[in-house]
Amino acid sequence: MNYVIIGNGTAAVGTIEGIRAVDQKGTITVISEEPYHVYGRPLISYLLLGKTTEDKMLQYRPSDFYEKNGVITLLGRKAVRIDPAAGAVKLEDGMSVPYDKLCICTGSRPFVPPMSGLDTVENKTSFMTLDDAKHLDAMLGSENDKRVLIIGAGLIGLKCAEGIYQRVKELTVIDLAPRILPNVLTEVPASIIQKHIESKGVKFLLEDSVEQFEPNTAHLKSGKTIDFDVLVVAVGVRPNTELAAEAGCEVNRGILTDACSATTVPGIYAAGDCTVSHDIAAGTDRILAILPNAYMQGETAGRNMAGEQQEFTRAIPMNASGFMGLHMITAGSYDGETYLEHDEDHYKLLVTRDNRLVGFIMIGDVDRAGIYTSLIREQTPLDSIDFDLIREKPQLMAFSRAERAKKLGGAH
């Protein structure tokens, strides 16, 4: 059996491990436009901050992952077309890679909205890849004398700010939304994170946007002007769906798959940020561009590609991050009845609906937040546990002995 995976991120790792859990002999080929072995994308901010190295980021090297799993890697090679009739992936250099089963793990790319004069800015970058981080590092240099402007106060923009705030003269973040992290946090927790980041010297200009760029100046719609030396565009991302769409897979913003991670084209699967998932917390179909879901989708795809029947039906939005020493974990939906704890040191919001925990926000003390995540993923009835105990402090003693054994055994 010839298995081919396009992409080399977390979803691809899950796919490889899913295949090998069932089929130890089939040929696996990974095609990736990036020249690197798989690395932790969230770590690029820590690379700039000096808390990690490129060597440590490249966690899966040939000797301990690719070779172990018998994977052929075609890195720095771009897939340009999928031919389902021929069962082959065409590469930009003319090579044709045959497949019996294919998984599309193409991820996403930066979204750069039309901004007048952006082409006049010389020192600019996005912030999604290792190459982006290297480019930004080179533009900043070692003198700590640069003024940096970040467009976008979402996760990508704020992680970029965290990576460089100690290396710059001035750092300003602009966003059209009325609060930071608008797709992740509600108003109060967003203000807590913002206040903490501002205490580190970062300036925010919210409910504003760039009307016109000059080479080193941004003219804002509010009438303000910002002078800068380096520009980072971190407005958002778009799924890479073009290969799938051209191959005949149904696409609606992201690639549509069933619970087995199969697309609408026989023999082709998809996983990760390029796909649409069913969010069980909100009961809606949406793109969930987060690492845990990408891995589990990939593992599901791999097992099914290799002939096993498995479904992934526990996708939820989830973010675990830190901003300059302040930790945050969020998951699920915020629509329902709420339980709130809030003081100067921490913030905890639990949201319940229909006898289920459907969402939470934790800032500061995030110890054992995985228990709350498990309750949401497993859709555990709250009357089957001691929820009064667990809402005060997530702890396994709130579960029955059988459930404790299950969770200690590694349930997702």
Protein backbone atom coordinates (compact mmCIF):
# COMPACT_ATOMS: atom_id res chain seq x y z
CA MET A 1 0.00 0.00 0.00
CA ASN A 2 1.33 3.42 -0.99
CA TYR A 3 0.35 6.18 1.43
CA VAL A 4 1.08 9.80 0.55
CA ILE A 5 0.73 12.81 2.85
CA ILE A 6 0.86 16.39 1.59
CA GLY A 7 2.09 18.61 4.41
CA ASN A 8 4.43 18.05 7.32
CA GLY A 9 2.84 19.51 10.46
CA THR A 10 0.99 18.09 13.42
CA ALA A 11 -1.79 16.58 11.30
CA ALA A 12 0.83 14.75 9.23
CA VAL A 13 2.45 13.35 12.38
CA GLY A 14 -0.94 12.07 13.53
CA THR A 15 -1.55 10.52 10.10
CA ILE A 16 1.81 8.73 10.11
CA GLU A 17 1.26 7.33 13.59
CA GLY A 18 -2.31 6.35 12.72
CA ILE A 19 -1.14 4.42 9.66
CA ARG A 20 1.66 2.67 11.52
CA ALA A 21 -0.69 1.63 14.34
CA VAL A 22 -2.46 -0.54 11.75
CA ASP A 23 -0.03 -1.12 8.87
CA GLN A 24 3.68 -1.50 9.65
CA LYS A 25 4.77 -2.35 6.10
CA GLY A 26 3.09 0.07 3.69
CA THR A 27 5.15 2.85 2.08
CA ILE A 28 4.57 6.34 3.48
CA THR A 29 5.74 9.40 1.56
CA VAL A 30 5.55 12.93 2.96
CA ILE A 31 5.61 15.89 0.58
CA SER A 32 6.27 19.31 2.10
CA GLU A 33 6.97 22.69 0.55
CA GLU A 34 8.92 23.69 3.67
CA PRO A 35 12.47 22.29 3.77
CA TYR A 36 12.36 21.41 7.47
CA HIS A 37 11.46 18.29 9.36
CA VAL A 38 8.29 18.83 11.37
CA TYR A 39 8.63 21.47 14.05
CA GLY A 40 6.44 23.05 16.71
CA ARG A 41 5.02 26.18 15.09
CA PRO A 42 3.93 27.71 18.41
CA LEU A 43 7.60 27.70 19.44
CA ILE A 44 8.71 30.31 16.89
CA SER A 45 8.00 33.12 19.36
CA TYR A 46 10.22 31.41 21.95
CA LEU A 47 12.95 31.07 19.31
CA LEU A 48 12.99 34.87 18.92
CA LEU A 49 12.83 35.32 22.69
CA GLY A 50 15.85 33.06 23.11
CA LYS A 51 14.00 30.44 25.16
CA THR A 52 14.54 27.68 22.60
CA THR A 53 16.76 26.90 19.65
CA GLU A 54 16.05 25.79 16.11
CA ASP A 55 17.65 22.45 16.95
CA LYS A 56 15.24 21.88 19.83
CA MET A 57 12.25 22.94 17.70
CA LEU A 58 12.94 20.25 15.12
CA GLN A 59 11.66 17.53 17.41
CA TYR A 60 11.06 14.79 14.84
CA ARG A 61 14.35 13.98 13.13
CA PRO A 62 14.84 11.12 10.63
CA SER A 63 16.59 8.88 13.14
CA ASP A 64 13.87 9.05 15.78
CA PHE A 65 10.70 9.47 13.77
CA TYR A 66 10.87 9.30 9.99
CA GLU A 67 13.28 6.37 9.81
CA LYS A 68 11.58 4.66 12.74
CA ASN A 69 8.28 4.83 10.88
CA GLY A 70 9.75 4.07 7.45
CA VAL A 71 8.79 7.46 6.00
CA ILE A 72 10.16 8.79 2.71
CA THR A 73 10.44 12.59 2.93
CA LEU A 74 10.26 14.91 -0.05
CA LEU A 75 11.01 18.18 1.72
CA GLY A 76 11.31 21.53 -0.03
CA ARG A 77 9.13 20.05 -2.80
CA LYS A 78 5.82 21.62 -3.80
CA ALA A 79 2.74 19.59 -4.75
CA VAL A 80 0.89 21.37 -7.55
CA ARG A 81 -1.84 18.91 -8.56
CA ILE A 82 -3.66 15.81 -7.38
CA ASP A 83 -4.83 13.41 -10.10
CA PRO A 84 -7.41 11.10 -8.48
CA ALA A 85 -7.97 9.15 -11.71
CA ALA A 86 -4.29 8.26 -11.95
CA GLY A 87 -3.81 8.05 -8.18
CA ALA A 88 -0.86 10.42 -8.24
CA VAL A 89 0.39 13.73 -6.85
CA LYS A 90 2.24 15.95 -9.32
CA LEU A 91 5.13 18.04 -8.01
CA GLU A 92 6.34 21.40 -9.29
CA ASP A 93 9.59 19.84 -10.52
CA GLY A 94 7.65 17.39 -12.72
CA MET A 95 7.90 14.35 -10.46
CA SER A 96 4.79 12.20 -10.06
CA VAL A 97 4.23 10.43 -6.73
CA PRO A 98 1.75 7.52 -6.91
CA TYR A 99 -0.66 6.80 -4.07
CA ASP A 100 -3.28 4.28 -3.05
CA LYS A 101 -4.46 6.48 -0.17
CA LEU A 102 -3.75 10.19 0.18
CA CYS A 103 -4.09 12.58 3.13
CA ILE A 104 -4.14 16.33 2.55
CA CYS A 105 -2.57 18.11 5.55
CA THR A 106 -1.79 21.41 3.83
CA GLY A 107 -2.61 23.65 6.79
CA SER A 108 -3.19 27.36 6.33
CA ARG A 109 -1.43 30.50 5.16
CA PRO A 110 -1.39 34.12 6.34
CA PHE A 111 -4.29 36.29 5.25
CA VAL A 112 -3.11 39.69 4.06
CA PRO A 113 -6.04 42.03 3.42
CA PRO A 114 -5.74 44.80 0.82
CA MET A 115 -3.95 47.73 2.45
CA SER A 116 -3.06 50.75 0.39
CA GLY A 117 0.68 51.31 0.12
CA LEU A 118 1.65 47.98 1.69
CA ASP A 119 3.88 47.27 -1.29
CA THR A 120 6.02 50.31 -0.38
CA VAL A 121 7.01 48.78 2.97
CA GLU A 122 10.35 47.02 2.61
CA ASN A 123 10.83 45.45 6.03
CA LYS A 124 7.71 43.36 6.52
CA THR A 125 6.77 39.77 7.27
CA SER A 126 4.01 37.47 8.40
CA PHE A 127 4.48 35.27 11.49
CA MET A 128 3.49 31.66 10.87
CA THR A 129 6.56 29.70 9.91
CA LEU A 130 10.14 29.12 10.96
CA ASP A 131 11.27 31.11 7.92
CA ASP A 132 9.06 34.01 9.03
CA ALA A 133 10.74 33.95 12.44
CA LYS A 134 14.19 33.87 10.83
CA HIS A 135 13.27 36.80 8.58
CA LEU A 136 11.96 38.82 11.52
CA ASP A 137 15.06 37.99 13.55
CA ALA A 138 17.28 39.29 10.76
CA MET A 139 15.29 42.52 10.43
CA LEU A 140 15.44 43.20 14.17
CA GLY A 141 19.18 42.67 14.42
CA SER A 142 20.96 42.84 17.76
CA GLU A 143 20.81 46.51 18.68
CA ASN A 144 17.30 46.61 20.23
CA ASP A 145 16.68 49.87 18.37
CA LYS A 146 13.78 48.98 16.07
CA ARG A 147 10.20 50.29 16.19
CA VAL A 148 7.85 47.43 15.34
CA LEU A 149 4.22 47.62 14.27
CA ILE A 150 2.06 44.49 14.42
CA ILE A 151 -1.24 44.44 12.55
CA GLY A 152 -3.49 42.01 14.41
CA ALA A 153 -4.16 41.42 18.12
CA GLY A 154 -5.13 37.76 17.77
CA LEU A 155 -3.06 34.80 18.93
CA ILE A 156 -0.48 35.10 16.16
CA GLY A 157 0.06 38.81 16.66
CA LEU A 158 0.34 38.54 20.44
CA LYS A 159 2.71 35.57 20.31
CA CYS A 160 4.86 37.61 17.93
CA ALA A 161 4.78 40.49 20.45
CA GLU A 162 5.85 38.10 23.19
CA GLY A 163 8.78 36.90 21.13
CA ILE A 164 10.21 40.33 20.40
CA TYR A 165 9.13 42.76 23.13
CA GLN A 166 12.50 42.58 24.88
CA ARG A 167 14.37 43.14 21.62
CA VAL A 168 12.80 46.35 20.34
CA LYS A 169 12.69 50.07 21.07
CA GLU A 170 8.93 50.42 20.56
CA LEU A 171 6.17 47.87 19.94
CA THR A 172 2.64 48.79 18.84
CA VAL A 173 -0.25 46.43 18.07
CA ILE A 174 -3.24 47.59 16.01
CA ASP A 175 -6.55 45.76 15.61
CA LEU A 176 -9.96 46.70 14.23
CA ALA A 177 -11.70 44.75 17.02
CA PRO A 178 -12.64 46.43 20.31
CA ARG A 179 -10.54 43.96 22.36
CA ILE A 180 -7.52 41.72 21.98
CA LEU A 181 -7.99 38.02 21.18
CA PRO A 182 -11.54 38.70 19.95
CA ASN A 183 -12.06 35.15 18.67
CA VAL A 184 -10.82 33.56 21.90
CA LEU A 185 -11.82 35.68 24.90
CA THR A 186 -14.77 37.67 26.18
CA GLU A 187 -14.32 41.27 27.29
CA VAL A 188 -13.18 40.90 30.91
CA PRO A 189 -10.49 38.21 30.47
CA ALA A 190 -9.28 40.01 27.34
CA SER A 191 -8.75 43.16 29.41
CA ILE A 192 -6.75 41.16 31.97
CA ILE A 193 -4.39 39.84 29.29
CA GLN A 194 -4.13 43.27 27.67
CA LYS A 195 -3.25 44.99 30.95
CA HIS A 196 -0.53 42.42 31.60
CA ILE A 197 0.99 42.83 28.14
CA GLU A 198 0.83 46.63 28.41
CA SER A 199 2.80 46.37 31.67
CA LYS A 200 5.67 45.01 29.55
CA GLY A 201 5.72 48.16 27.41
CA VAL A 202 3.52 47.08 24.48
CA LYS A 203 1.06 49.69 23.16
CA PHE A 204 -2.37 48.79 21.77
CA LEU A 205 -4.49 50.76 19.33
CA LEU A 206 -7.85 49.00 19.16
CA GLU A 207 -10.90 49.78 17.03
CA ASP A 208 -8.54 51.26 14.46
CA SER A 209 -6.94 50.21 11.19
CA VAL A 210 -4.43 51.35 8.60
CA GLU A 211 -5.77 53.57 5.85
CA GLN A 212 -2.47 54.15 4.05
CA PHE A 213 1.09 52.92 4.32
CA GLU A 214 4.20 54.83 3.41
CA PRO A 215 7.59 53.06 3.51
CA ASN A 216 8.00 53.59 7.29
CA THR A 217 4.71 55.20 8.36
CA ALA A 218 1.18 53.93 8.88
CA HIS A 219 -1.65 56.45 8.57
CA LEU A 220 -4.63 55.20 10.58
CA LYS A 221 -8.32 55.77 9.94
CA SER A 222 -8.54 57.53 13.31
CA GLY A 223 -6.13 60.18 12.02
CA LYS A 224 -3.15 58.92 14.05
CA THR A 225 0.18 58.09 12.45
CA ILE A 226 2.64 55.41 13.55
CA ASP A 227 6.28 55.43 12.49
CA PHE A 228 7.95 52.02 12.35
CA ASP A 229 11.03 50.20 11.13
CA VAL A 230 9.55 46.69 10.88
CA LEU A 231 5.98 45.63 10.04
CA VAL A 232 4.39 42.29 10.99
CA VAL A 233 1.06 41.42 9.34
CA ALA A 234 -0.82 38.98 11.58
CA VAL A 235 -4.43 39.62 10.64
CA GLY A 236 -5.45 35.97 10.30
CA VAL A 237 -5.10 32.81 8.25
CA ARG A 238 -6.81 31.08 5.34
CA PRO A 239 -6.97 27.28 4.83
CA ASN A 240 -4.95 25.86 1.94
CA THR A 241 -7.75 24.14 0.03
CA GLU A 242 -6.79 24.71 -3.59
CA LEU A 243 -5.28 21.27 -4.25
CA ALA A 244 -8.31 19.56 -2.72
CA ALA A 245 -10.81 21.68 -4.64
CA GLU A 246 -9.05 21.09 -7.96
CA ALA A 247 -9.07 17.34 -7.23
CA GLY A 248 -12.85 17.44 -6.85
CA CYS A 249 -13.10 17.44 -3.04
CA GLU A 250 -16.01 19.44 -1.66
CA VAL A 251 -14.79 22.66 -0.04
CA ASN A 252 -16.68 25.24 2.00
CA ARG A 253 -14.01 27.59 3.35
CA GLY A 254 -12.21 24.43 4.49
CA ILE A 255 -12.12 20.90 3.10
CA LEU A 256 -15.24 18.95 4.05
CA THR A 257 -14.65 15.54 5.64
CA ASP A 258 -16.72 12.95 7.44
CA ALA A 259 -16.05 11.61 10.94
CA CYS A 260 -13.44 9.24 9.44
CA SER A 261 -11.51 12.23 7.99
CA ALA A 262 -12.46 11.12 4.46
CA THR A 263 -13.17 13.74 1.80
CA THR A 264 -15.86 13.42 -0.85
CA VAL A 265 -13.31 11.90 -3.28
CA PRO A 266 -12.64 8.16 -2.72
CA GLY A 267 -9.15 7.42 -1.43
CA ILE A 268 -8.47 11.01 -0.34
CA TYR A 269 -8.52 12.08 3.30
CA ALA A 270 -7.79 15.42 4.96
CA ALA A 271 -6.82 16.62 8.43
CA GLY A 272 -5.77 19.72 10.30
CA ASP A 273 -6.16 23.43 9.74
CA CYS A 274 -7.25 23.02 6.11
CA THR A 275 -10.45 21.17 7.09
CA VAL A 276 -13.88 21.91 8.54
CA SER A 277 -14.64 20.18 11.86
CA HIS A 278 -17.84 19.66 13.80
CA ASP A 279 -17.51 21.65 17.03
CA ILE A 280 -19.34 19.52 19.59
CA ALA A 281 -19.35 22.30 22.19
CA ALA A 282 -21.24 24.76 19.97
CA GLY A 283 -22.95 22.20 17.72
CA THR A 284 -21.70 23.89 14.55
CA ASP A 285 -19.35 23.10 11.68
CA ARG A 286 -16.31 25.36 11.58
CA ILE A 287 -12.58 25.51 11.04
CA LEU A 288 -10.74 24.64 14.26
CA ALA A 289 -7.11 25.47 13.60
CA ILE A 290 -5.57 24.01 16.76
CA LEU A 291 -2.93 21.37 17.39
CA PRO A 292 -4.85 18.73 19.41
CA ASN A 293 -7.63 18.51 16.83
CA ALA A 294 -5.13 18.41 13.98
CA TYR A 295 -3.31 15.47 15.53
CA MET A 296 -6.48 13.52 16.33
CA GLN A 297 -7.95 14.16 12.87
CA GLY A 298 -4.68 13.00 11.35
CA GLU A 299 -4.54 9.86 13.48
CA THR A 300 -8.15 9.08 12.52
CA ALA A 301 -7.31 9.57 8.84
CA GLY A 302 -4.24 7.33 9.09
CA ARG A 303 -6.06 4.47 10.79
CA ASN A 304 -8.87 4.57 8.24
CA MET A 305 -6.44 4.83 5.32
CA ALA A 306 -4.81 1.64 6.63
CA GLY A 307 -8.12 -0.23 6.82
CA GLU A 308 -9.29 0.27 10.38
CA GLN A 309 -12.68 1.84 11.13
CA GLN A 310 -12.37 4.79 13.48
CA GLU A 311 -14.20 8.08 13.95
CA PHE A 312 -13.15 11.38 15.50
CA THR A 313 -16.19 13.09 16.98
CA ARG A 314 -14.71 15.16 19.81
CA ALA A 315 -13.46 18.32 18.12
CA ILE A 316 -13.65 21.50 20.20
CA PRO A 317 -11.98 24.92 20.01
CA MET A 318 -9.14 25.07 22.52
CA ASN A 319 -6.19 27.36 23.17
CA ALA A 320 -3.39 26.92 25.68
CA SER A 321 -0.93 29.77 25.64
CA GLY A 322 1.20 32.08 27.70
CA PHE A 323 1.83 35.78 27.26
CA MET A 324 4.95 37.12 28.94
CA GLY A 325 4.53 34.86 31.95
CA LEU A 326 0.74 34.94 32.24
CA HIS A 327 -0.87 31.60 31.36
CA MET A 328 -4.23 31.14 29.64
CA ILE A 329 -6.29 28.11 28.65
CA THR A 330 -9.68 28.28 26.93
CA ALA A 331 -11.94 25.64 25.43
CA GLY A 332 -15.40 25.12 24.03
CA SER A 333 -18.37 27.48 23.85
CA TYR A 334 -19.29 30.37 26.15
CA ASP A 335 -23.04 30.09 25.50
CA GLY A 336 -24.83 28.80 28.63
CA GLU A 337 -25.02 29.19 32.39
CA THR A 338 -21.85 30.56 33.94
CA TYR A 339 -19.81 30.04 37.09
CA LEU A 340 -17.20 32.75 37.69
CA GLU A 341 -14.19 33.17 39.97
CA HIS A 342 -12.24 36.37 39.52
CA ASP A 343 -9.63 38.15 41.62
CA GLU A 344 -6.33 39.94 41.04
CA ASP A 345 -4.41 36.71 40.56
CA HIS A 346 -6.69 34.58 38.41
CA TYR A 347 -9.85 34.35 36.32
CA LYS A 348 -11.97 31.22 35.86
CA LEU A 349 -15.21 31.01 33.91
CA LEU A 350 -17.06 27.70 33.54
CA VAL A 351 -19.99 27.44 31.14
CA THR A 352 -22.61 24.68 31.38
CA ARG A 353 -25.59 23.78 29.23
CA ASP A 354 -27.99 20.81 29.20
CA ASN A 355 -26.21 19.02 32.06
CA ARG A 356 -22.82 19.31 30.33
CA LEU A 357 -19.74 21.47 30.70
CA VAL A 358 -19.45 23.19 27.30
CA GLY A 359 -16.69 25.75 27.82
CA PHE A 360 -14.22 27.46 30.13
CA ILE A 361 -11.69 30.29 30.36
CA MET A 362 -8.80 30.10 32.83
CA ILE A 363 -6.15 32.78 33.30
CA GLY A 364 -3.34 32.64 35.84
CA ASP A 365 -3.85 29.36 37.71
CA VAL A 366 -4.42 26.82 34.94
CA ASP A 367 -3.38 23.73 36.87
CA ARG A 368 -5.26 20.58 35.80
CA ALA A 369 -7.36 22.42 33.23
CA GLY A 370 -7.14 19.24 31.15
CA ILE A 371 -9.83 17.73 33.37
CA TYR A 372 -12.27 20.42 32.24
CA THR A 373 -11.23 19.82 28.63
CA SER A 374 -11.88 16.11 29.06
CA LEU A 375 -15.37 16.79 30.44
CA ILE A 376 -16.20 18.83 27.34
CA ARG A 377 -14.72 16.32 24.87
CA GLU A 378 -16.35 13.35 26.54
CA GLN A 379 -19.66 15.26 27.01
CA THR A 380 -19.79 13.89 30.55
CA PRO A 381 -23.19 14.35 32.27
CA LEU A 382 -22.57 16.63 35.23
CA ASP A 383 -24.96 14.72 37.45
CA SER A 384 -22.69 11.68 37.08
CA ILE A 385 -19.82 13.45 38.89
CA ASP A 386 -19.35 15.74 41.88
CA PHE A 387 -19.45 18.95 39.86
CA ASP A 388 -19.64 21.17 42.96
CA LEU A 389 -16.25 19.77 43.93
CA ILE A 390 -14.72 19.92 40.48
CA ARG A 391 -15.77 23.48 39.68
CA GLU A 392 -13.87 24.73 42.72
CA LYS A 393 -10.73 22.84 41.76
CA PRO A 394 -10.34 20.35 38.88
CA GLN A 395 -9.53 17.04 40.53
CA LEU A 396 -9.97 13.37 39.79
CA MET A 397 -11.65 12.69 43.14
CA ALA A 398 -14.83 14.13 41.62
CA PHE A 399 -15.07 11.08 39.36
CA SER A 400 -16.02 7.49 40.07
CA ARG A 401 -13.20 4.98 40.55
CA ALA A 402 -13.76 3.60 37.03
CA GLU A 403 -13.63 7.07 35.49
CA ARG A 404 -10.48 7.95 37.44
CA ALA A 405 -8.79 4.81 36.14
CA LYS A 406 -9.83 5.70 32.58
CA LYS A 407 -8.50 9.25 32.77
CA LEU A 408 -5.27 8.20 34.44
CA GLY A 409 -4.87 5.74 31.60
CA GLY A 410 -4.54 8.54 29.10
CA ALA A 411 -8.02 9.33 27.81
CA HIS A 412 -7.97 12.37 25.49
